[in-house]
Amino acid sequence: MLRLNGFDEALIGMAAVWQKSEMGGASPVDTLVYNGEEIVDILMRESGLSEEESMEHISFNIEGAYVGEATPIIVWPSSIDRVQLILESEKELNNDTAD
């Protein structure tokens, strides 16, 4: 498992992520899961970054970095209402770009 150094207090658990194997099957890979909001708080507190700078750092340097099949997962806690709004917005955006 790969750890995000300096973000232990944002760790919320582990997940078994199924990865395709070269043999055609799939097997679970234990992956660490972190709370994105806690990572933002840590960056703001310890690095002096603003919330926007912290979000940008996470986007480019953590979420955008694939470091193998055990790449850590960042979770952004949300309500079902918020998730539905995001899905509806994406659906509308996809419909607009399909025209």
PDB file of N, CA and C in Angstrom:
ATOM      1  N   MET A   1       0.839  -1.186   0.000  1.00  0.00           N
ATOM      2  CA  MET A   1       0.000   0.000   0.000  1.00  0.00           C
ATOM      3  C   MET A   1       0.879   1.242   0.000  1.00  0.00           C
ATOM      4  N   LEU A   2       0.393   2.249  -0.698  1.00  0.00           N
ATOM      5  CA  LEU A   2       1.124   3.503  -0.764  1.00  0.00           C
ATOM      6  C   LEU A   2       0.467   4.533   0.145  1.00  0.00           C
ATOM      7  N   ARG A   3       1.300   5.221   0.917  1.00  0.00           N
ATOM      8  CA  ARG A   3       0.824   6.258   1.843  1.00  0.00           C
ATOM      9  C   ARG A   3       1.053   7.635   1.267  1.00  0.00           C
ATOM     10  N   LEU A   4       0.174   8.555   1.612  1.00  0.00           N
ATOM     11  CA  LEU A   4       0.401   9.963   1.326  1.00  0.00           C
ATOM     12  C   LEU A   4       1.131  10.533   2.526  1.00  0.00           C
ATOM     13  N   ASN A   5       2.426  10.735   2.381  1.00  0.00           N
ATOM     14  CA  ASN A   5       3.241  11.223   3.490  1.00  0.00           C
ATOM     15  C   ASN A   5       2.752  12.564   4.001  1.00  0.00           C
ATOM     16  N   GLY A   6       2.616  12.665   5.315  1.00  0.00           N
ATOM     17  CA  GLY A   6       2.201  13.894   5.946  1.00  0.00           C
ATOM     18  C   GLY A   6       0.699  14.037   6.113  1.00  0.00           C
ATOM     19  N   PHE A   7      -0.051  13.034   5.682  1.00  0.00           N
ATOM     20  CA  PHE A   7      -1.503  13.143   5.737  1.00  0.00           C
ATOM     21  C   PHE A   7      -2.147  12.001   6.516  1.00  0.00           C
ATOM     22  N   ASP A   8      -1.421  11.446   7.484  1.00  0.00           N
ATOM     23  CA  ASP A   8      -1.955  10.328   8.270  1.00  0.00           C
ATOM     24  C   ASP A   8      -3.267  10.666   8.974  1.00  0.00           C
ATOM     25  N   GLU A   9      -3.409  11.904   9.443  1.00  0.00           N
ATOM     26  CA  GLU A   9      -4.647  12.245  10.159  1.00  0.00           C
ATOM     27  C   GLU A   9      -5.847  12.343   9.215  1.00  0.00           C
ATOM     28  N   ALA A  10      -5.617  12.369   7.902  1.00  0.00           N
ATOM     29  CA  ALA A  10      -6.709  12.389   6.918  1.00  0.00           C
ATOM     30  C   ALA A  10      -7.089  10.980   6.464  1.00  0.00           C
ATOM     31  N   LEU A  11      -6.329   9.981   6.900  1.00  0.00           N
ATOM     32  CA  LEU A  11      -6.609   8.597   6.522  1.00  0.00           C
ATOM     33  C   LEU A  11      -7.927   8.146   7.139  1.00  0.00           C
ATOM     34  N   ILE A  12      -8.814   7.587   6.302  1.00  0.00           N
ATOM     35  CA  ILE A  12     -10.097   7.113   6.826  1.00  0.00           C
ATOM     36  C   ILE A  12     -10.248   5.604   6.726  1.00  0.00           C
ATOM     37  N   GLY A  13      -9.345   4.941   6.005  1.00  0.00           N
ATOM     38  CA  GLY A  13      -9.442   3.484   5.940  1.00  0.00           C
ATOM     39  C   GLY A  13      -8.779   2.914   4.708  1.00  0.00           C
ATOM     40  N   MET A  14      -9.202   1.689   4.419  1.00  0.00           N
ATOM     41  CA  MET A  14      -8.675   0.969   3.266  1.00  0.00           C
ATOM     42  C   MET A  14      -9.828   0.530   2.381  1.00  0.00           C
ATOM     43  N   ALA A  15      -9.505   0.311   1.105  1.00  0.00           N
ATOM     44  CA  ALA A  15     -10.483  -0.222   0.163  1.00  0.00           C
ATOM     45  C   ALA A  15      -9.802  -1.294  -0.675  1.00  0.00           C
ATOM     46  N   ALA A  16     -10.546  -2.300  -1.036  1.00  0.00           N
ATOM     47  CA  ALA A  16     -10.052  -3.311  -1.968  1.00  0.00           C
ATOM     48  C   ALA A  16     -10.490  -2.863  -3.360  1.00  0.00           C
ATOM     49  N   VAL A  17      -9.538  -2.446  -4.171  1.00  0.00           N
ATOM     50  CA  VAL A  17      -9.820  -1.982  -5.523  1.00  0.00           C
ATOM     51  C   VAL A  17      -9.465  -3.110  -6.481  1.00  0.00           C
ATOM     52  N   TRP A  18     -10.430  -3.514  -7.271  1.00  0.00           N
ATOM     53  CA  TRP A  18     -10.200  -4.621  -8.205  1.00  0.00           C
ATOM     54  C   TRP A  18      -9.451  -4.109  -9.421  1.00  0.00           C
ATOM     55  N   GLN A  19      -8.344  -4.776  -9.716  1.00  0.00           N
ATOM     56  CA  GLN A  19      -7.488  -4.412 -10.841  1.00  0.00           C
ATOM     57  C   GLN A  19      -7.398  -5.589 -11.807  1.00  0.00           C
ATOM     58  N   LYS A  20      -7.433  -5.280 -13.105  1.00  0.00           N
ATOM     59  CA  LYS A  20      -7.264  -6.321 -14.113  1.00  0.00           C
ATOM     60  C   LYS A  20      -5.839  -6.834 -14.061  1.00  0.00           C
ATOM     61  N   SER A  21      -5.705  -8.121 -14.257  1.00  0.00           N
ATOM     62  CA  SER A  21      -4.361  -8.697 -14.293  1.00  0.00           C
ATOM     63  C   SER A  21      -3.973  -8.961 -15.733  1.00  0.00           C
ATOM     64  N   GLU A  22      -2.699  -9.190 -15.951  1.00  0.00           N
ATOM     65  CA  GLU A  22      -2.207  -9.478 -17.294  1.00  0.00           C
ATOM     66  C   GLU A  22      -2.755 -10.796 -17.825  1.00  0.00           C
ATOM     67  N   MET A  23      -3.205 -11.651 -16.933  1.00  0.00           N
ATOM     68  CA  MET A  23      -3.729 -12.960 -17.314  1.00  0.00           C
ATOM     69  C   MET A  23      -5.204 -12.884 -17.719  1.00  0.00           C
ATOM     70  N   GLY A  24      -5.807 -11.702 -17.650  1.00  0.00           N
ATOM     71  CA  GLY A  24      -7.191 -11.534 -18.054  1.00  0.00           C
ATOM     72  C   GLY A  24      -8.191 -11.523 -16.922  1.00  0.00           C
ATOM     73  N   GLY A  25      -7.793 -11.932 -15.739  1.00  0.00           N
ATOM     74  CA  GLY A  25      -8.697 -11.909 -14.594  1.00  0.00           C
ATOM     75  C   GLY A  25      -8.578 -10.601 -13.847  1.00  0.00           C
ATOM     76  N   ALA A  26      -9.033 -10.615 -12.634  1.00  0.00           N
ATOM     77  CA  ALA A  26      -8.930  -9.434 -11.776  1.00  0.00           C
ATOM     78  C   ALA A  26      -8.672  -9.893 -10.350  1.00  0.00           C
ATOM     79  N   SER A  27      -8.012  -9.036  -9.593  1.00  0.00           N
ATOM     80  CA  SER A  27      -7.748  -9.341  -8.187  1.00  0.00           C
ATOM     81  C   SER A  27      -7.789  -8.041  -7.387  1.00  0.00           C
ATOM     82  N   PRO A  28      -8.144  -8.140  -6.099  1.00  0.00           N
ATOM     83  CA  PRO A  28      -8.217  -6.929  -5.289  1.00  0.00           C
ATOM     84  C   PRO A  28      -6.831  -6.446  -4.858  1.00  0.00           C
ATOM     85  N   VAL A  29      -6.677  -5.137  -4.847  1.00  0.00           N
ATOM     86  CA  VAL A  29      -5.457  -4.499  -4.360  1.00  0.00           C
ATOM     87  C   VAL A  29      -5.869  -3.604  -3.200  1.00  0.00           C
ATOM     88  N   ASP A  30      -5.279  -3.815  -2.029  1.00  0.00           N
ATOM     89  CA  ASP A  30      -5.581  -2.968  -0.876  1.00  0.00           C
ATOM     90  C   ASP A  30      -5.038  -1.569  -1.125  1.00  0.00           C
ATOM     91  N   THR A  31      -5.893  -0.592  -0.962  1.00  0.00           N
ATOM     92  CA  THR A  31      -5.573   0.794  -1.263  1.00  0.00           C
ATOM     93  C   THR A  31      -6.001   1.673  -0.093  1.00  0.00           C
ATOM     94  N   LEU A  32      -5.155   2.615   0.287  1.00  0.00           N
ATOM     95  CA  LEU A  32      -5.503   3.532   1.374  1.00  0.00           C
ATOM     96  C   LEU A  32      -6.453   4.614   0.866  1.00  0.00           C
ATOM     97  N   VAL A  33      -7.372   5.031   1.727  1.00  0.00           N
ATOM     98  CA  VAL A  33      -8.394   6.013   1.387  1.00  0.00           C
ATOM     99  C   VAL A  33      -8.263   7.209   2.334  1.00  0.00           C
ATOM    100  N   TYR A  34      -8.251   8.405   1.757  1.00  0.00           N
ATOM    101  CA  TYR A  34      -8.072   9.634   2.520  1.00  0.00           C
ATOM    102  C   TYR A  34      -9.256  10.576   2.311  1.00  0.00           C
ATOM    103  N   ASN A  35      -9.554  11.377   3.334  1.00  0.00           N
ATOM    104  CA  ASN A  35     -10.591  12.394   3.272  1.00  0.00           C
ATOM    105  C   ASN A  35      -9.983  13.663   2.658  1.00  0.00           C
ATOM    106  N   GLY A  36     -10.470  14.051   1.477  1.00  0.00           N
ATOM    107  CA  GLY A  36      -9.941  15.217   0.780  1.00  0.00           C
ATOM    108  C   GLY A  36     -10.071  16.503   1.569  1.00  0.00           C
ATOM    109  N   GLU A  37     -11.190  16.657   2.295  1.00  0.00           N
ATOM    110  CA  GLU A  37     -11.377  17.869   3.088  1.00  0.00           C
ATOM    111  C   GLU A  37     -10.331  17.974   4.195  1.00  0.00           C
ATOM    112  N   GLU A  38      -9.965  16.832   4.778  1.00  0.00           N
ATOM    113  CA  GLU A  38      -8.927  16.833   5.820  1.00  0.00           C
ATOM    114  C   GLU A  38      -7.564  17.172   5.217  1.00  0.00           C
ATOM    115  N   ILE A  39      -7.306  16.702   4.008  1.00  0.00           N
ATOM    116  CA  ILE A  39      -6.040  17.035   3.344  1.00  0.00           C
ATOM    117  C   ILE A  39      -5.959  18.536   3.104  1.00  0.00           C
ATOM    118  N   VAL A  40      -7.063  19.145   2.675  1.00  0.00           N
ATOM    119  CA  VAL A  40      -7.104  20.594   2.478  1.00  0.00           C
ATOM    120  C   VAL A  40      -6.767  21.294   3.794  1.00  0.00           C
ATOM    121  N   ASP A  41      -7.395  20.860   4.878  1.00  0.00           N
ATOM    122  CA  ASP A  41      -7.138  21.473   6.189  1.00  0.00           C
ATOM    123  C   ASP A  41      -5.669  21.359   6.584  1.00  0.00           C
ATOM    124  N   ILE A  42      -5.073  20.194   6.343  1.00  0.00           N
ATOM    125  CA  ILE A  42      -3.663  19.980   6.692  1.00  0.00           C
ATOM    126  C   ILE A  42      -2.768  20.905   5.864  1.00  0.00           C
ATOM    127  N   LEU A  43      -3.030  20.996   4.567  1.00  0.00           N
ATOM    128  CA  LEU A  43      -2.218  21.871   3.713  1.00  0.00           C
ATOM    129  C   LEU A  43      -2.343  23.330   4.128  1.00  0.00           C
ATOM    130  N   MET A  44      -3.546  23.751   4.476  1.00  0.00           N
ATOM    131  CA  MET A  44      -3.746  25.135   4.903  1.00  0.00           C
ATOM    132  C   MET A  44      -3.016  25.400   6.214  1.00  0.00           C
ATOM    133  N   ARG A  45      -3.108  24.465   7.135  1.00  0.00           N
ATOM    134  CA  ARG A  45      -2.506  24.638   8.466  1.00  0.00           C
ATOM    135  C   ARG A  45      -0.985  24.521   8.427  1.00  0.00           C
ATOM    136  N   GLU A  46      -0.472  23.513   7.730  1.00  0.00           N
ATOM    137  CA  GLU A  46       0.961  23.221   7.807  1.00  0.00           C
ATOM    138  C   GLU A  46       1.799  23.854   6.700  1.00  0.00           C
ATOM    139  N   SER A  47       1.173  24.166   5.558  1.00  0.00           N
ATOM    140  CA  SER A  47       1.933  24.749   4.452  1.00  0.00           C
ATOM    141  C   SER A  47       1.590  26.206   4.208  1.00  0.00           C
ATOM    142  N   GLY A  48       0.556  26.685   4.907  1.00  0.00           N
ATOM    143  CA  GLY A  48       0.169  28.081   4.744  1.00  0.00           C
ATOM    144  C   GLY A  48      -0.530  28.367   3.420  1.00  0.00           C
ATOM    145  N   LEU A  49      -0.992  27.324   2.735  1.00  0.00           N
ATOM    146  CA  LEU A  49      -1.683  27.528   1.475  1.00  0.00           C
ATOM    147  C   LEU A  49      -3.113  27.985   1.739  1.00  0.00           C
ATOM    148  N   SER A  50      -3.674  28.723   0.797  1.00  0.00           N
ATOM    149  CA  SER A  50      -5.085  29.085   0.881  1.00  0.00           C
ATOM    150  C   SER A  50      -5.906  27.842   0.521  1.00  0.00           C
ATOM    151  N   GLU A  51      -7.216  27.929   0.722  1.00  0.00           N
ATOM    152  CA  GLU A  51      -8.076  26.794   0.356  1.00  0.00           C
ATOM    153  C   GLU A  51      -7.978  26.513  -1.145  1.00  0.00           C
ATOM    154  N   GLU A  52      -8.003  27.562  -1.962  1.00  0.00           N
ATOM    155  CA  GLU A  52      -7.900  27.392  -3.413  1.00  0.00           C
ATOM    156  C   GLU A  52      -6.559  26.767  -3.801  1.00  0.00           C
ATOM    157  N   GLU A  53      -5.475  27.245  -3.202  1.00  0.00           N
ATOM    158  CA  GLU A  53      -4.153  26.681  -3.488  1.00  0.00           C
ATOM    159  C   GLU A  53      -4.071  25.226  -3.053  1.00  0.00           C
ATOM    160  N   SER A  54      -4.687  24.910  -1.923  1.00  0.00           N
ATOM    161  CA  SER A  54      -4.699  23.533  -1.432  1.00  0.00           C
ATOM    162  C   SER A  54      -5.448  22.624  -2.391  1.00  0.00           C
ATOM    163  N   MET A  55      -6.604  23.084  -2.871  1.00  0.00           N
ATOM    164  CA  MET A  55      -7.388  22.297  -3.827  1.00  0.00           C
ATOM    165  C   MET A  55      -6.599  22.073  -5.116  1.00  0.00           C
ATOM    166  N   GLU A  56      -5.924  23.110  -5.579  1.00  0.00           N
ATOM    167  CA  GLU A  56      -5.114  22.996  -6.792  1.00  0.00           C
ATOM    168  C   GLU A  56      -3.964  22.004  -6.582  1.00  0.00           C
ATOM    169  N   HIS A  57      -3.317  22.078  -5.437  1.00  0.00           N
ATOM    170  CA  HIS A  57      -2.224  21.160  -5.114  1.00  0.00           C
ATOM    171  C   HIS A  57      -2.722  19.714  -5.133  1.00  0.00           C
ATOM    172  N   ILE A  58      -3.850  19.478  -4.500  1.00  0.00           N
ATOM    173  CA  ILE A  58      -4.417  18.120  -4.463  1.00  0.00           C
ATOM    174  C   ILE A  58      -4.753  17.651  -5.871  1.00  0.00           C
ATOM    175  N   SER A  59      -5.390  18.512  -6.648  1.00  0.00           N
ATOM    176  CA  SER A  59      -5.801  18.146  -8.001  1.00  0.00           C
ATOM    177  C   SER A  59      -4.619  17.737  -8.873  1.00  0.00           C
ATOM    178  N   PHE A  60      -3.571  18.546  -8.868  1.00  0.00           N
ATOM    179  CA  PHE A  60      -2.445  18.289  -9.758  1.00  0.00           C
ATOM    180  C   PHE A  60      -1.423  17.310  -9.202  1.00  0.00           C
ATOM    181  N   ASN A  61      -1.163  17.366  -7.905  1.00  0.00           N
ATOM    182  CA  ASN A  61      -0.059  16.592  -7.337  1.00  0.00           C
ATOM    183  C   ASN A  61      -0.461  15.296  -6.652  1.00  0.00           C
ATOM    184  N   ILE A  62      -1.733  15.144  -6.339  1.00  0.00           N
ATOM    185  CA  ILE A  62      -2.163  13.921  -5.653  1.00  0.00           C
ATOM    186  C   ILE A  62      -3.153  13.156  -6.525  1.00  0.00           C
ATOM    187  N   GLU A  63      -4.296  13.776  -6.823  1.00  0.00           N
ATOM    188  CA  GLU A  63      -5.295  13.091  -7.640  1.00  0.00           C
ATOM    189  C   GLU A  63      -4.786  12.824  -9.054  1.00  0.00           C
ATOM    190  N   GLY A  64      -3.982  13.721  -9.567  1.00  0.00           N
ATOM    191  CA  GLY A  64      -3.489  13.582 -10.934  1.00  0.00           C
ATOM    192  C   GLY A  64      -2.263  12.700 -11.070  1.00  0.00           C
ATOM    193  N   ALA A  65      -1.814  12.113  -9.980  1.00  0.00           N
ATOM    194  CA  ALA A  65      -0.605  11.292 -10.013  1.00  0.00           C
ATOM    195  C   ALA A  65      -0.965   9.816  -9.876  1.00  0.00           C
ATOM    196  N   TYR A  66      -0.840   9.078 -10.959  1.00  0.00           N
ATOM    197  CA  TYR A  66      -1.040   7.633 -10.888  1.00  0.00           C
ATOM    198  C   TYR A  66       0.319   7.021 -10.581  1.00  0.00           C
ATOM    199  N   VAL A  67       0.409   6.321  -9.463  1.00  0.00           N
ATOM    200  CA  VAL A  67       1.688   5.741  -9.048  1.00  0.00           C
ATOM    201  C   VAL A  67       1.586   4.216  -8.924  1.00  0.00           C
ATOM    202  N   GLY A  68       0.749   3.641  -9.747  1.00  0.00           N
ATOM    203  CA  GLY A  68       0.588   2.193  -9.745  1.00  0.00           C
ATOM    204  C   GLY A  68      -0.780   1.786  -9.249  1.00  0.00           C
ATOM    205  N   GLU A  69      -0.998   0.492  -9.244  1.00  0.00           N
ATOM    206  CA  GLU A  69      -2.335  -0.003  -8.929  1.00  0.00           C
ATOM    207  C   GLU A  69      -2.764   0.241  -7.486  1.00  0.00           C
ATOM    208  N   ALA A  70      -1.837   0.569  -6.609  1.00  0.00           N
ATOM    209  CA  ALA A  70      -2.188   0.860  -5.215  1.00  0.00           C
ATOM    210  C   ALA A  70      -2.239   2.368  -4.946  1.00  0.00           C
ATOM    211  N   THR A  71      -2.435   3.171  -6.004  1.00  0.00           N
ATOM    212  CA  THR A  71      -2.531   4.619  -5.846  1.00  0.00           C
ATOM    213  C   THR A  71      -3.618   4.956  -4.827  1.00  0.00           C
ATOM    214  N   PRO A  72      -3.312   5.763  -3.827  1.00  0.00           N
ATOM    215  CA  PRO A  72      -4.320   6.112  -2.814  1.00  0.00           C
ATOM    216  C   PRO A  72      -5.548   6.781  -3.423  1.00  0.00           C
ATOM    217  N   ILE A  73      -6.662   6.629  -2.734  1.00  0.00           N
ATOM    218  CA  ILE A  73      -7.943   7.199  -3.152  1.00  0.00           C
ATOM    219  C   ILE A  73      -8.241   8.410  -2.278  1.00  0.00           C
ATOM    220  N   ILE A  74      -8.712   9.495  -2.914  1.00  0.00           N
ATOM    221  CA  ILE A  74      -9.152  10.678  -2.188  1.00  0.00           C
ATOM    222  C   ILE A  74     -10.674  10.702  -2.251  1.00  0.00           C
ATOM    223  N   VAL A  75     -11.318  10.769  -1.094  1.00  0.00           N
ATOM    224  CA  VAL A  75     -12.776  10.821  -1.005  1.00  0.00           C
ATOM    225  C   VAL A  75     -13.176  12.226  -0.601  1.00  0.00           C
ATOM    226  N   TRP A  76     -14.186  12.757  -1.280  1.00  0.00           N
ATOM    227  CA  TRP A  76     -14.731  14.071  -0.952  1.00  0.00           C
ATOM    228  C   TRP A  76     -16.124  13.847  -0.382  1.00  0.00           C
ATOM    229  N   PRO A  77     -16.252  13.881   0.958  1.00  0.00           N
ATOM    230  CA  PRO A  77     -17.554  13.621   1.578  1.00  0.00           C
ATOM    231  C   PRO A  77     -18.639  14.531   0.999  1.00  0.00           C
ATOM    232  N   SER A  78     -19.808  13.940   0.790  1.00  0.00           N
ATOM    233  CA  SER A  78     -20.899  14.693   0.200  1.00  0.00           C
ATOM    234  C   SER A  78     -22.226  14.035   0.532  1.00  0.00           C
ATOM    235  N   SER A  79     -23.288  14.806   0.431  1.00  0.00           N
ATOM    236  CA  SER A  79     -24.633  14.264   0.637  1.00  0.00           C
ATOM    237  C   SER A  79     -25.166  13.718  -0.686  1.00  0.00           C
ATOM    238  N   ILE A  80     -26.190  12.895  -0.622  1.00  0.00           N
ATOM    239  CA  ILE A  80     -26.797  12.356  -1.833  1.00  0.00           C
ATOM    240  C   ILE A  80     -27.384  13.480  -2.686  1.00  0.00           C
ATOM    241  N   ASP A  81     -27.900  14.525  -2.055  1.00  0.00           N
ATOM    242  CA  ASP A  81     -28.443  15.650  -2.812  1.00  0.00           C
ATOM    243  C   ASP A  81     -27.355  16.329  -3.645  1.00  0.00           C
ATOM    244  N   ARG A  82     -26.200  16.522  -3.038  1.00  0.00           N
ATOM    245  CA  ARG A  82     -25.066  17.145  -3.748  1.00  0.00           C
ATOM    246  C   ARG A  82     -24.598  16.250  -4.894  1.00  0.00           C
ATOM    247  N   VAL A  83     -24.525  14.953  -4.663  1.00  0.00           N
ATOM    248  CA  VAL A  83     -24.112  14.014  -5.708  1.00  0.00           C
ATOM    249  C   VAL A  83     -25.099  14.062  -6.877  1.00  0.00           C
ATOM    250  N   GLN A  84     -26.391  14.096  -6.573  1.00  0.00           N
ATOM    251  CA  GLN A  84     -27.393  14.153  -7.636  1.00  0.00           C
ATOM    252  C   GLN A  84     -27.272  15.442  -8.445  1.00  0.00           C
ATOM    253  N   LEU A  85     -26.994  16.573  -7.788  1.00  0.00           N
ATOM    254  CA  LEU A  85     -26.794  17.825  -8.510  1.00  0.00           C
ATOM    255  C   LEU A  85     -25.594  17.745  -9.451  1.00  0.00           C
ATOM    256  N   ILE A  86     -24.523  17.151  -8.973  1.00  0.00           N
ATOM    257  CA  ILE A  86     -23.323  17.006  -9.805  1.00  0.00           C
ATOM    258  C   ILE A  86     -23.623  16.114 -11.003  1.00  0.00           C
ATOM    259  N   LEU A  87     -24.302  14.992 -10.775  1.00  0.00           N
ATOM    260  CA  LEU A  87     -24.637  14.087 -11.876  1.00  0.00           C
ATOM    261  C   LEU A  87     -25.543  14.757 -12.901  1.00  0.00           C
ATOM    262  N   GLU A  88     -26.527  15.519 -12.434  1.00  0.00           N
ATOM    263  CA  GLU A  88     -27.416  16.238 -13.349  1.00  0.00           C
ATOM    264  C   GLU A  88     -26.649  17.278 -14.154  1.00  0.00           C
ATOM    265  N   SER A  89     -25.730  17.994 -13.515  1.00  0.00           N
ATOM    266  CA  SER A  89     -24.916  18.999 -14.214  1.00  0.00           C
ATOM    267  C   SER A  89     -24.051  18.345 -15.280  1.00  0.00           C
ATOM    268  N   GLU A  90     -23.445  17.209 -14.945  1.00  0.00           N
ATOM    269  CA  GLU A  90     -22.610  16.503 -15.922  1.00  0.00           C
ATOM    270  C   GLU A  90     -23.447  15.997 -17.087  1.00  0.00           C
ATOM    271  N   LYS A  91     -24.647  15.507 -16.797  1.00  0.00           N
ATOM    272  CA  LYS A  91     -25.531  15.021 -17.852  1.00  0.00           C
ATOM    273  C   LYS A  91     -25.900  16.158 -18.799  1.00  0.00           C
ATOM    274  N   GLU A  92     -26.246  17.330 -18.226  1.00  0.00           N
ATOM    275  CA  GLU A  92     -26.576  18.496 -19.048  1.00  0.00           C
ATOM    276  C   GLU A  92     -25.373  18.932 -19.872  1.00  0.00           C
ATOM    277  N   LEU A  93     -24.207  18.932 -19.276  1.00  0.00           N
ATOM    278  CA  LEU A  93     -22.991  19.319 -19.991  1.00  0.00           C
ATOM    279  C   LEU A  93     -22.728  18.365 -21.143  1.00  0.00           C
ATOM    280  N   ASN A  94     -22.877  17.065 -20.913  1.00  0.00           N
ATOM    281  CA  ASN A  94     -22.674  16.077 -21.968  1.00  0.00           C
ATOM    282  C   ASN A  94     -23.696  16.228 -23.086  1.00  0.00           C
ATOM    283  N   ASN A  95     -24.929  16.549 -22.738  1.00  0.00           N
ATOM    284  CA  ASN A  95     -25.955  16.766 -23.755  1.00  0.00           C
ATOM    285  C   ASN A  95     -25.653  18.011 -24.588  1.00  0.00           C
ATOM    286  N   ASP A  96     -25.147  19.057 -23.925  1.00  0.00           N
ATOM    287  CA  ASP A  96     -24.808  20.293 -24.639  1.00  0.00           C
ATOM    288  C   ASP A  96     -23.650  20.089 -25.594  1.00  0.00           C
ATOM    289  N   THR A  97     -22.663  19.288 -25.220  1.00  0.00           N
ATOM    290  CA  THR A  97     -21.493  19.078 -26.079  1.00  0.00           C
ATOM    291  C   THR A  97     -21.783  18.070 -27.181  1.00  0.00           C
ATOM    292  N   ALA A  98     -22.850  17.280 -27.052  1.00  0.00           N
ATOM    293  CA  ALA A  98     -23.195  16.301 -28.083  1.00  0.00           C
ATOM    294  C   ALA A  98     -23.910  16.944 -29.250  1.00  0.00           C
ATOM    295  N   ASP A  99     -24.407  18.161 -29.057  1.00  0.00           N
ATOM    296  CA  ASP A  99     -25.151  18.834 -30.143  1.00  0.00           C
ATOM    297  C   ASP A  99     -24.256  19.378 -31.206  1.00  0.00           C
TER     298      ASP A  99
END
